[in-house]
Protein backbone atom coordinates (compact mmCIF):
# COMPACT_ATOMS: atom_id res chain seq x y z
CA MET A 1 7.58 35.02 2.48
CA ALA A 2 11.37 34.11 2.01
CA GLN A 3 11.60 32.49 -1.68
CA ALA A 4 12.68 28.99 0.02
CA GLU A 5 9.53 28.74 2.24
CA VAL A 6 7.41 30.12 -0.77
CA GLN A 7 9.10 27.13 -3.04
CA ALA A 8 8.81 24.92 -0.60
CA GLN A 9 5.21 24.98 -0.39
CA GLU A 10 4.39 25.42 -4.19
CA ARG A 11 7.30 22.78 -5.44
CA PRO A 12 4.45 19.99 -4.17
CA GLN A 13 1.37 21.17 -5.84
CA SER A 14 3.50 21.25 -8.86
CA ALA A 15 4.78 17.70 -9.06
CA ALA A 16 0.90 16.20 -7.89
CA ALA A 17 -0.05 18.08 -11.50
CA ALA A 18 2.11 17.03 -13.50
CA GLY A 19 1.73 13.50 -12.12
CA ALA A 20 4.83 12.98 -10.91
CA ARG A 21 5.44 9.81 -8.44
CA GLN A 22 9.18 9.68 -7.45
CA ASP A 23 9.90 13.32 -6.89
CA PHE A 24 11.89 13.18 -3.70
CA ASN A 25 12.48 17.01 -3.94
CA GLY A 26 9.21 18.22 -5.63
CA ASP A 27 10.95 19.69 -8.34
CA GLY A 28 8.62 18.05 -10.98
CA TYR A 29 10.90 15.75 -12.10
CA GLU A 30 10.93 12.05 -11.16
CA ASP A 31 14.28 10.57 -9.56
CA LEU A 32 16.06 7.60 -9.84
CA ALA A 33 17.04 5.25 -6.59
CA VAL A 34 18.88 2.66 -7.11
CA GLY A 35 20.33 0.18 -4.85
CA ALA A 36 23.35 -1.82 -4.29
CA PRO A 37 22.18 -3.87 -1.46
CA TYR A 38 25.71 -6.56 -1.77
CA ALA A 39 28.04 -3.37 -1.40
CA THR A 40 30.56 -3.04 0.67
CA VAL A 41 30.68 -0.16 3.44
CA GLY A 42 33.43 0.47 5.50
CA GLY A 43 34.56 -2.56 4.61
CA LYS A 44 31.59 -4.79 5.76
CA LYS A 45 30.87 -6.80 2.93
CA ALA A 46 26.42 -6.68 1.38
CA ALA A 47 25.90 -4.48 4.34
CA GLY A 48 24.50 -2.41 1.11
CA TYR A 49 23.65 1.11 -0.03
CA VAL A 50 21.46 3.20 -2.61
CA ALA A 51 22.23 5.86 -4.76
CA LEU A 52 20.40 8.40 -5.60
CA VAL A 53 20.40 10.29 -9.13
CA TYR A 54 17.51 13.35 -9.32
CA GLY A 55 15.78 14.35 -12.33
CA SER A 56 15.96 17.88 -14.23
CA ALA A 57 15.17 19.94 -17.46
CA HIS A 58 18.45 17.61 -19.67
CA GLY A 59 16.91 14.36 -18.19
CA LEU A 60 19.38 12.70 -14.75
CA ASP A 61 21.62 14.58 -13.18
CA LEU A 62 24.53 12.58 -11.75
CA ALA A 63 25.94 16.46 -10.66
CA GLY A 64 23.54 15.45 -7.80
CA LYS A 65 24.01 12.28 -6.96
CA LYS A 66 23.87 11.02 -3.48
CA VAL A 67 25.15 7.81 -2.35
CA VAL A 68 22.70 6.88 1.39
CA THR A 69 23.72 3.74 3.95
CA GLN A 70 23.64 3.06 7.50
CA ALA A 71 26.27 5.10 8.38
CA SER A 72 25.18 8.19 6.57
CA PRO A 73 24.11 11.41 8.87
CA GLY A 74 20.09 10.84 10.56
CA ILE A 75 20.35 7.21 8.93
CA PRO A 76 19.11 4.66 11.92
CA GLY A 77 21.58 1.61 12.29
CA THR A 78 25.50 1.02 11.40
CA PRO A 79 26.98 -0.58 8.63
CA GLU A 80 27.39 -5.14 9.27
CA ALA A 81 27.95 -7.66 6.49
CA ASP A 82 24.84 -9.23 4.94
CA ASP A 83 22.61 -6.00 6.03
CA ARG A 84 21.91 -6.16 2.72
CA PHE A 85 20.25 -2.01 3.17
CA GLY A 86 19.00 -0.74 -0.83
CA ALA A 87 17.26 -4.34 -1.28
CA HIS A 88 13.33 -4.15 -2.98
CA LEU A 89 13.30 -0.16 -2.50
CA ILE A 90 9.73 1.51 -2.27
CA THR A 91 8.21 5.23 -2.99
CA ALA A 92 5.61 6.72 -1.74
CA ASP A 93 4.94 10.26 -0.36
CA LEU A 94 4.03 7.61 3.24
CA ASP A 95 3.24 11.45 5.17
CA GLY A 96 0.66 13.15 2.62
CA ASP A 97 3.06 16.56 2.37
CA GLY A 98 3.96 16.06 -1.17
CA TYR A 99 6.60 14.84 -1.37
CA THR A 100 7.61 11.03 -2.56
CA ASP A 101 9.53 9.33 0.16
CA LEU A 102 12.00 6.18 0.01
CA VAL A 103 11.18 2.84 2.41
CA VAL A 104 14.98 1.04 2.00
CA PRO A 105 14.82 -2.70 3.79
CA ALA A 106 17.47 -3.96 4.99
CA THR A 107 16.97 -7.66 4.74
CA GLY A 108 19.67 -8.82 6.59
CA GLU A 109 18.56 -6.50 9.45
CA ASP A 110 19.03 -7.87 13.15
CA TRP A 111 17.52 -5.65 15.33
CA THR A 112 15.26 -5.46 18.51
CA TRP A 113 12.16 -3.80 18.73
CA GLY A 114 9.27 -3.82 21.51
CA GLY A 115 11.75 -6.23 23.34
CA GLU A 116 11.84 -8.39 20.38
CA ALA A 117 14.66 -9.38 18.74
CA ARG A 118 14.02 -8.99 14.63
CA THR A 119 15.64 -9.40 11.04
CA SER A 120 14.44 -7.66 7.82
CA SER A 121 13.81 -3.55 8.94
CA GLN A 122 12.44 -0.65 6.81
CA THR A 123 13.99 2.77 6.61
CA VAL A 124 12.58 6.18 5.57
CA LEU A 125 14.01 8.39 4.46
CA TRP A 126 11.72 11.78 3.63
CA GLY A 127 11.20 13.73 0.59
CA SER A 128 11.99 17.51 0.57
CA VAL A 129 12.43 20.78 -1.03
CA ALA A 130 16.01 19.53 -0.49
CA GLY A 131 16.03 16.39 -1.59
CA LEU A 132 15.93 12.94 0.11
CA SER A 133 17.01 13.09 3.72
CA GLY A 134 16.91 12.08 7.73
CA GLY A 135 15.66 7.95 8.23
CA THR A 136 13.17 6.30 10.81
CA LEU A 137 12.55 3.07 11.43
CA LEU A 138 8.83 1.92 10.02
CA GLN A 139 7.66 0.31 13.54
CA PRO A 140 7.05 -3.37 11.80
CA GLY A 141 3.95 -4.55 14.20
CA ARG A 142 3.29 -8.04 15.17
CA THR A 143 1.53 -9.38 11.95
CA PHE A 144 3.27 -7.66 8.57
CA ALA A 145 6.73 -8.89 7.52
CA THR A 146 9.08 -6.32 7.10
CA HIS A 147 11.57 -7.46 3.80
CA PHE A 148 8.47 -6.69 1.28
CA SER A 149 6.19 -3.67 0.95
CA ILE A 150 3.84 -1.84 -2.06
CA PRO A 151 2.33 1.51 -1.93
CA GLY A 152 -0.64 2.35 -2.72
CA ASP A 153 -4.35 4.19 -1.62
CA PHE A 154 -6.18 1.07 -0.88
CA ASP A 155 -9.46 2.19 0.73
CA GLY A 156 -9.34 5.62 -1.71
CA ASP A 157 -9.45 8.66 0.75
CA GLY A 158 -6.31 9.84 -0.49
CA HIS A 159 -3.39 8.43 1.79
CA THR A 160 -0.56 6.66 0.96
CA ASP A 161 -0.87 3.21 2.26
CA LEU A 162 1.42 0.16 2.32
CA ALA A 163 0.68 -3.20 1.12
CA LEU A 164 2.44 -6.13 2.91
CA PRO A 165 2.26 -9.51 2.95
CA GLY A 166 0.19 -9.91 6.26
CA GLY A 167 -1.85 -7.41 5.14
CA VAL A 168 -2.33 -3.58 4.91
CA ARG A 169 -0.69 -0.06 7.05
CA PHE A 170 -3.64 2.52 5.74
CA GLY A 171 -1.89 6.37 5.37
CA PRO A 172 -0.63 8.75 6.41
CA PHE A 173 1.86 8.23 8.05
CA THR A 174 3.53 9.62 11.20
CA ARG A 175 7.35 11.09 11.12
CA GLU A 176 7.88 8.29 13.68
CA GLY A 177 6.77 5.42 11.31
CA LEU A 178 3.41 4.51 12.46
CA PRO A 179 -0.10 4.22 10.15
CA ALA A 180 -3.32 5.40 10.52
CA ARG A 181 -5.19 1.98 11.06
CA THR A 182 -4.08 -1.32 9.50
CA GLN A 183 -5.95 -4.73 8.05
CA GLN A 184 -4.89 -7.95 8.54
CA ILE A 185 -5.41 -10.07 4.56
CA SER A 186 -3.30 -12.56 3.62
CA VAL A 187 -2.09 -12.14 -0.06
CA SER A 188 -1.05 -15.78 -0.67
CA GLU A 189 -3.40 -18.60 -0.50
CA ALA A 190 -2.90 -21.32 1.65
CA ASP A 191 1.64 -23.16 1.69
CA ASP A 192 2.07 -20.51 -0.60
CA SER A 193 5.12 -18.28 -0.42
CA LEU A 194 5.03 -15.04 -1.97
CA LEU A 195 7.04 -13.65 -4.35
CA GLU A 196 6.35 -10.52 -5.88
CA MET A 197 3.00 -8.11 -5.76
CA ALA A 198 2.11 -5.47 -8.37
CA ALA A 199 -0.45 -2.50 -7.28
CA GLY A 200 -2.77 -0.90 -9.79
CA ASP A 201 -6.56 0.72 -10.04
CA VAL A 202 -7.60 -2.62 -12.76
CA ASP A 203 -10.98 -1.34 -12.68
CA GLY A 204 -11.22 2.15 -12.67
CA ASP A 205 -12.96 2.83 -9.16
CA GLY A 206 -10.09 5.37 -8.13
CA ARG A 207 -9.07 2.94 -5.73
CA THR A 208 -5.57 0.33 -5.58
CA ASP A 209 -6.24 -3.05 -6.36
CA LEU A 210 -3.16 -6.04 -5.29
CA VAL A 211 -2.12 -8.33 -7.47
CA SER A 212 0.30 -10.74 -5.54
CA LEU A 213 2.67 -13.15 -7.66
CA THR A 214 2.86 -17.03 -5.01
CA MET A 215 4.54 -19.98 -5.58
CA PRO A 216 4.23 -23.42 -3.38
CA ALA A 217 5.95 -22.69 0.19
CA ASP A 218 7.83 -26.41 -0.42
CA TRP A 219 9.35 -25.54 -2.99
CA GLU A 220 12.33 -26.99 -4.33
CA PRO A 221 15.43 -25.44 -6.16
CA GLY A 222 15.42 -27.09 -9.83
CA ASP A 223 11.91 -28.37 -9.91
CA GLN A 224 11.30 -26.09 -12.44
CA SER A 225 7.03 -27.55 -12.55
CA SER A 226 6.16 -25.81 -9.51
CA ASN A 227 2.91 -23.03 -10.44
CA HIS A 228 3.74 -19.38 -9.70
CA THR A 229 0.44 -18.52 -9.11
CA LEU A 230 -1.36 -14.64 -9.53
CA ASN A 231 -3.86 -13.00 -7.56
CA TYR A 232 -6.51 -10.49 -7.25
CA LEU A 233 -7.06 -8.91 -4.30
CA HIS A 234 -10.25 -6.11 -5.20
CA ALA A 235 -9.98 -3.15 -3.23
CA THR A 236 -12.67 -1.67 -1.10
CA PRO A 237 -13.14 1.48 0.53
CA ASP A 238 -12.67 -0.52 4.04
CA GLY A 239 -9.94 -2.00 2.69
CA ILE A 240 -8.18 -5.04 0.16
CA GLU A 241 -10.99 -7.98 0.16
CA PRO A 242 -9.95 -12.01 -0.20
CA LEU A 243 -8.11 -13.29 -2.76
CA THR A 244 -9.03 -14.54 -5.58
CA VAL A 245 -6.75 -16.92 -8.32
CA LEU A 246 -6.97 -15.82 -11.70
CA ARG A 247 -7.64 -18.58 -14.67
CA ASP A 248 -7.23 -19.25 -18.26
CA GLY A 249 -9.69 -20.77 -20.63
CA ARG A 250 -9.64 -24.12 -19.11
CA GLY A 251 -9.99 -23.29 -15.20
CA GLU A 252 -6.04 -23.56 -14.92
CA LYS A 253 -4.60 -21.53 -12.66
CA ILE A 254 -2.18 -18.77 -14.51
CA GLU A 255 1.13 -19.45 -14.39
CA GLY A 256 2.65 -16.39 -13.15
CA GLY A 257 6.55 -16.51 -14.21
CA GLU A 258 8.76 -14.14 -12.61
CA ASP A 259 8.30 -10.72 -12.19
CA ILE A 260 4.23 -8.91 -12.81
CA GLU A 261 2.92 -5.05 -13.15
CA LEU A 262 0.32 -3.50 -14.00
CA GLY A 263 -0.37 -0.48 -15.79
CA ASP A 264 -3.26 1.01 -18.61
CA VAL A 265 -1.82 -0.66 -22.18
CA ASN A 266 -5.08 -0.04 -23.59
CA GLY A 267 -5.37 2.91 -22.75
CA ASP A 268 -9.28 2.78 -21.67
CA GLY A 269 -8.53 4.13 -17.46
CA ARG A 270 -7.66 0.90 -15.87
CA ASP A 271 -4.82 -0.89 -15.67
CA ASP A 272 -4.30 -4.05 -17.56
CA LEU A 273 -1.74 -6.96 -16.11
CA VAL A 274 1.71 -7.63 -17.16
CA PHE A 275 4.12 -10.35 -16.46
CA GLY A 276 6.74 -12.09 -17.30
CA ARG A 277 6.94 -15.71 -17.70
CA PRO A 278 11.00 -16.45 -18.42
CA ARG A 279 11.44 -20.03 -18.31
CA PRO A 280 9.19 -23.14 -19.15
CA ALA A 281 5.80 -23.24 -18.35
CA ASN A 282 6.58 -27.81 -17.54
CA GLY A 283 9.32 -29.57 -16.78
CA ASN A 284 13.27 -28.85 -18.35
CA GLU A 285 12.82 -29.73 -21.52
CA GLU A 286 12.05 -27.74 -24.11
CA PRO A 287 8.36 -28.17 -24.99
CA SER A 288 7.45 -29.38 -28.71
CA ASP A 289 5.19 -26.64 -28.57
CA PRO A 290 6.36 -23.59 -29.28
CA SER A 291 3.94 -21.64 -27.39
CA GLN A 292 4.91 -23.52 -23.83
CA TYR A 293 8.02 -21.85 -23.54
CA GLY A 294 8.17 -19.85 -20.77
CA SER A 295 10.01 -16.82 -22.10
CA ARG A 296 7.51 -14.67 -22.86
CA VAL A 297 5.46 -11.43 -21.69
CA GLY A 298 1.35 -12.22 -20.62
CA VAL A 299 -2.19 -9.42 -20.97
CA VAL A 300 -4.35 -9.54 -18.88
CA LEU A 301 -6.58 -6.79 -19.47
CA GLY A 302 -8.60 -5.11 -16.96
CA THR A 303 -11.81 -4.62 -16.66
CA ALA A 304 -14.60 -2.92 -14.72
CA GLN A 305 -15.34 -5.96 -12.90
CA GLY A 306 -11.43 -6.49 -12.42
CA LEU A 307 -9.38 -8.92 -13.77
CA PRO A 308 -10.85 -11.59 -15.37
CA SER A 309 -10.48 -15.05 -16.18
CA GLY A 310 -9.49 -16.15 -19.62
CA ASP A 311 -6.49 -16.70 -21.55
CA PRO A 312 -3.93 -14.51 -21.32
CA ARG A 313 -2.20 -12.76 -24.25
CA MET A 314 1.23 -13.83 -24.58
CA ILE A 315 4.21 -12.41 -26.34
CA HIS A 316 7.62 -13.35 -27.27
CA GLN A 317 10.08 -13.29 -29.39
CA ASP A 318 8.52 -14.98 -32.16
CA THR A 319 5.58 -12.50 -32.08
CA PRO A 320 5.45 -10.90 -35.25
CA GLY A 321 6.88 -6.98 -34.68
CA VAL A 322 9.31 -8.35 -32.11
CA PRO A 323 13.01 -8.55 -32.73
CA GLY A 324 15.18 -11.28 -31.85
CA VAL A 325 14.06 -15.48 -31.90
CA ASP A 326 12.48 -17.31 -28.91
CA GLU A 327 15.42 -19.56 -27.92
CA ALA A 328 15.39 -22.09 -23.88
CA GLY A 329 17.32 -20.29 -21.99
CA ASP A 330 16.75 -16.27 -22.63
CA LEU A 331 14.48 -15.36 -19.84
CA PHE A 332 12.31 -12.23 -22.24
CA GLY A 333 10.49 -10.93 -19.33
CA ALA A 334 12.49 -11.59 -16.73
CA SER A 335 12.02 -8.50 -15.65
CA VAL A 336 9.24 -6.11 -16.54
CA LYS A 337 7.21 -2.28 -16.13
CA VAL A 338 4.86 -0.62 -17.35
CA GLY A 339 4.28 3.38 -18.85
CA ASP A 340 4.26 5.03 -21.47
CA VAL A 341 7.37 6.47 -23.01
CA ASN A 342 6.48 8.29 -26.14
CA GLY A 343 3.39 10.51 -24.81
CA ASP A 344 0.43 8.81 -27.52
CA GLY A 345 -1.59 7.89 -23.95
CA TYR A 346 -1.36 4.45 -23.61
CA ALA A 347 1.03 2.33 -21.39
CA ASP A 348 4.40 0.47 -23.37
CA ILE A 349 5.93 -2.77 -22.21
CA VAL A 350 9.55 -2.90 -21.21
CA ALA A 351 10.60 -6.14 -20.83
CA GLY A 352 14.05 -7.45 -19.71
CA ASN A 353 15.83 -10.39 -21.48
CA PRO A 354 19.41 -10.45 -19.37
CA TYR A 355 20.59 -13.81 -20.75
CA GLU A 356 20.08 -13.15 -23.93
CA ASP A 357 23.05 -14.03 -26.22
CA PHE A 358 24.49 -12.17 -29.83
CA ALA A 359 27.44 -11.64 -31.60
CA GLY A 360 28.84 -14.31 -29.84
CA VAL A 361 28.60 -12.99 -26.58
CA ALA A 362 27.34 -14.93 -23.63
CA ASP A 363 24.56 -13.89 -21.09
CA ALA A 364 25.10 -9.93 -22.16
CA GLY A 365 21.73 -9.10 -22.45
CA THR A 366 19.17 -7.34 -23.72
CA VAL A 367 15.84 -5.10 -23.23
CA ALA A 368 12.36 -4.62 -25.54
CA VAL A 369 9.86 -1.47 -25.76
CA ILE A 370 6.34 -2.94 -26.59
CA PRO A 371 3.52 -0.60 -27.89
CA GLY A 372 0.78 0.43 -26.27
CA GLY A 373 -2.55 0.79 -27.91
CA VAL A 374 -6.14 0.63 -28.35
CA SER A 375 -6.51 -2.94 -28.40
CA GLY A 376 -3.43 -2.98 -25.85
CA PRO A 377 -0.14 -4.59 -27.17
CA THR A 378 0.28 -6.79 -29.86
CA GLY A 379 4.16 -6.83 -30.77
CA ALA A 380 4.04 -4.65 -33.59
CA GLY A 381 6.55 -1.44 -33.26
CA SER A 382 8.60 -3.23 -30.09
CA LYS A 383 12.25 -2.14 -30.44
CA VAL A 384 15.71 -4.41 -28.54
CA PHE A 385 18.25 -2.12 -27.47
CA SER A 386 21.43 -3.69 -26.01
CA GLN A 387 25.10 -2.27 -24.83
CA ASN A 388 25.85 -3.18 -28.18
CA THR A 389 22.82 -0.31 -30.06
CA ALA A 390 24.47 2.66 -31.21
CA GLY A 391 24.07 5.32 -29.55
CA VAL A 392 24.33 2.83 -26.06
CA PRO A 393 27.57 3.64 -23.82
CA GLY A 394 29.43 0.54 -23.39
CA THR A 395 29.92 -2.48 -24.89
CA ALA A 396 28.02 -5.79 -24.33
CA GLU A 397 29.56 -8.42 -22.58
CA ARG A 398 29.98 -11.72 -20.92
CA ARG A 399 27.81 -12.09 -18.50
CA ASP A 400 26.75 -8.38 -18.40
CA TYR A 401 23.46 -9.20 -17.27
CA PHE A 402 21.37 -6.30 -19.12
CA SER A 403 17.74 -5.18 -18.32
CA GLU A 404 18.51 -7.94 -14.60
CA ALA A 405 16.34 -4.57 -13.54
CA VAL A 406 14.88 -2.22 -15.24
CA THR A 407 12.20 0.89 -14.88
CA LEU A 408 10.59 3.30 -15.67
CA LEU A 409 10.66 7.24 -14.87
CA ASP A 410 10.47 10.62 -15.98
CA GLY A 411 13.75 12.25 -15.44
CA ASP A 412 13.06 15.43 -17.61
CA GLY A 413 9.36 15.94 -17.04
CA ASP A 414 8.07 16.41 -20.52
CA GLY A 415 5.92 13.49 -19.94
CA ARG A 416 7.08 11.07 -21.20
CA ALA A 417 8.66 7.44 -18.91
CA ASP A 418 12.81 7.70 -19.43
CA LEU A 419 13.73 3.94 -19.45
CA VAL A 420 16.53 2.94 -17.31
CA VAL A 421 18.21 -0.52 -17.43
CA GLY A 422 20.21 -2.02 -13.90
CA ALA A 423 23.24 -4.67 -15.69
CA PRO A 424 24.51 -6.04 -12.38
CA GLY A 425 26.86 -8.54 -13.54
CA GLU A 426 28.76 -5.63 -15.03
CA ASN A 427 32.81 -5.65 -15.02
CA THR A 428 32.49 -9.18 -12.68
CA ASN A 429 29.10 -7.72 -10.60
CA ALA A 430 30.11 -4.55 -9.86
CA GLY A 431 27.54 -4.12 -11.88
CA SER A 432 26.22 -0.29 -13.66
CA VAL A 433 23.05 1.76 -14.29
CA TRP A 434 22.01 3.01 -18.35
CA ALA A 435 19.23 5.48 -18.36
CA PHE A 436 17.97 6.24 -21.64
CA ARG A 437 16.00 9.30 -22.78
CA SER A 438 12.15 9.38 -24.29
CA THR A 439 10.72 11.14 -27.34
CA ALA A 440 7.57 10.95 -29.23
CA SER A 441 9.08 8.28 -31.65
CA GLY A 442 9.77 6.38 -27.89
CA VAL A 443 13.25 5.53 -26.10
CA THR A 444 16.13 7.32 -27.61
CA THR A 445 20.11 6.40 -27.16
CA THR A 446 21.11 9.80 -27.91
CA GLY A 447 21.59 11.59 -25.00
CA SER A 448 22.04 8.31 -23.26
CA LEU A 449 24.24 7.68 -20.32
CA ALA A 450 25.58 5.04 -17.78
CA PHE A 451 27.42 4.93 -14.74
CA GLY A 452 28.78 2.53 -12.02
CA ALA A 453 30.80 3.06 -9.04
CA LYS A 454 33.43 5.51 -10.09
CA ALA A 455 30.89 7.93 -10.39
CA LEU A 456 29.94 7.32 -7.49
CA GLY A 457 32.83 6.59 -5.33
CA THR A 458 31.56 2.99 -3.87
CA HIS A 459 33.55 0.23 -3.36
CA PRO A 460 32.96 -1.91 -6.46
CA ASP A 461 33.30 -5.10 -6.07
CA GLY A 462 30.34 -8.03 -6.06
CA ALA A 463 27.97 -4.97 -5.28
CA ARG A 464 25.90 -5.67 -8.01
CA LEU A 465 25.11 -2.25 -8.54
CA GLY A 466 21.77 -2.08 -10.74
CA ALA A 467 19.82 -5.02 -9.12
CA GLU A 468 16.95 -2.80 -7.39
CA PHE A 469 14.55 -0.38 -8.40
CA PRO A 470 12.06 0.45 -6.45
CA ARG A 471 8.89 -0.59 -7.15
C-alpha cells in the first residue's frame, strides 16, 4: 500500500485520539479558519472570503495559508456584492470520515433551490489528508434557516449533527449535503429572535445539549431594557427536548448578554455555561449598584440534572484578581470562549473587551484569560493582553477593537488551547489576527504572530478580517 494511502487511513484516528476538533487535514494539529465576510473580492464589495492557516509542531504556520472565495475551484457560486461569504463559520466532521469539515455561510447570497428563491446559503468545504477542498451546498429544507447552525451529537449516536433555528439535521451527511434525518423544534420562545447558540454536554450523559440566547423580536436599536434570554434544551436519544428558560434565584429570566459558550470550567466532566453581558442591565444610565453593570461574564455550572435555576456567578473587572476597572462602555465579555490553556484539566475563560480604553487610546481593546478551577472560575490569577503587551506584535490604536472576536485551538498539538484574537478595526477596518501560544503557565506572548491582508494577498479595504471565527 502506498504511503499516502496509509496516511489517509491512519491520520484521522490519530487526530481523534488527540481530541482535535478543528483538524482539517487530520495531522493532529488544529487549524484556523477566519472569515472576512465584508472583504472585496474581484471588485465586489462584501463578497467575502475565508482564510485558512494550518497547525504544525510549531503552532499555526503561515507558510501553508490559503484563501477561499466563491471564485475558488470547486466552490459553488460566484462572488457578488453583499454575499458575505465567510460569516458564522462552523467546524464539524459532517460525513464521519475523521477529517473536520468547514461550513461557510454566505448570509447575503440569493439563490434558487427546489424552484424557490432563497436568501443565505451554506457551503461545506470537505476535510481530507490534503486539507479543505471542494464544496457542496447544504440543502436547506423548507423549515430550516440556513444562516446559522452549530454542531453537536444531539442524539448520542456518534455522528455529528447540526442544530439550526428551526430544528436539528442529524448526521451523517452525504457528500450531496443531505442529512440522515431531521427534527423540527424551536430554539426560542414565541415572539423571540435568535442571537446565538452554544452546544455542550452539561449533564455528562454523552449527548450534546443546546443553549440558545434570544431577544424580543420587536427589539429596536437603542432599547437597552430588552431582555436577552438564555434557554436550555436537553438532548435525548430521540433528539432535542423543548426549551427551558433559565432563571435566577428570584425566578426572573437571566439576562444573557451578547455571547455564550459551553465548557468544563470546574473539571467535573460536565460542561458549564459561560456568557458575556457587556452592557448595563437596565436603562441607558449607569446603575448605582456596581453589580448591575453589564460588562461582566456570567457562569452557570452544569449538573447531572442539566443547567439549574439560581443566580449565576459574575466576574468583572472589579472582581479581585481581574486586572482593570469596571467602567461603562468597556464591553468586557463582548466575546467569550472556553478552553484549557494550561493543560491542568480545567477549562479557562477568554473574555474579549474590545472597547477598552488605555494609555490614552480609545477603543483599542484588551482580552482577559480567567483561570478555571475545582470550584470554577473566581477571577484569581487572571491575565490581560493587548497590542501594547510586551512580545505582542503591533501597537494599540484607536478603534482597533482588539478581541471583538476570540477563539481557542490547539495549533501545536501539545494538549493546551492556544489563543487567537481578531481585531477587525485594525488599519481602518482592514482587520488583523493575532495568534498566541500556550504553556503550562497559560497564554504567553513568546512566539506570538499577527497577520492581515498583506500576508494573505487579499484586498484590505473594509474587510474586517478577524471578525469571524468558527463556532
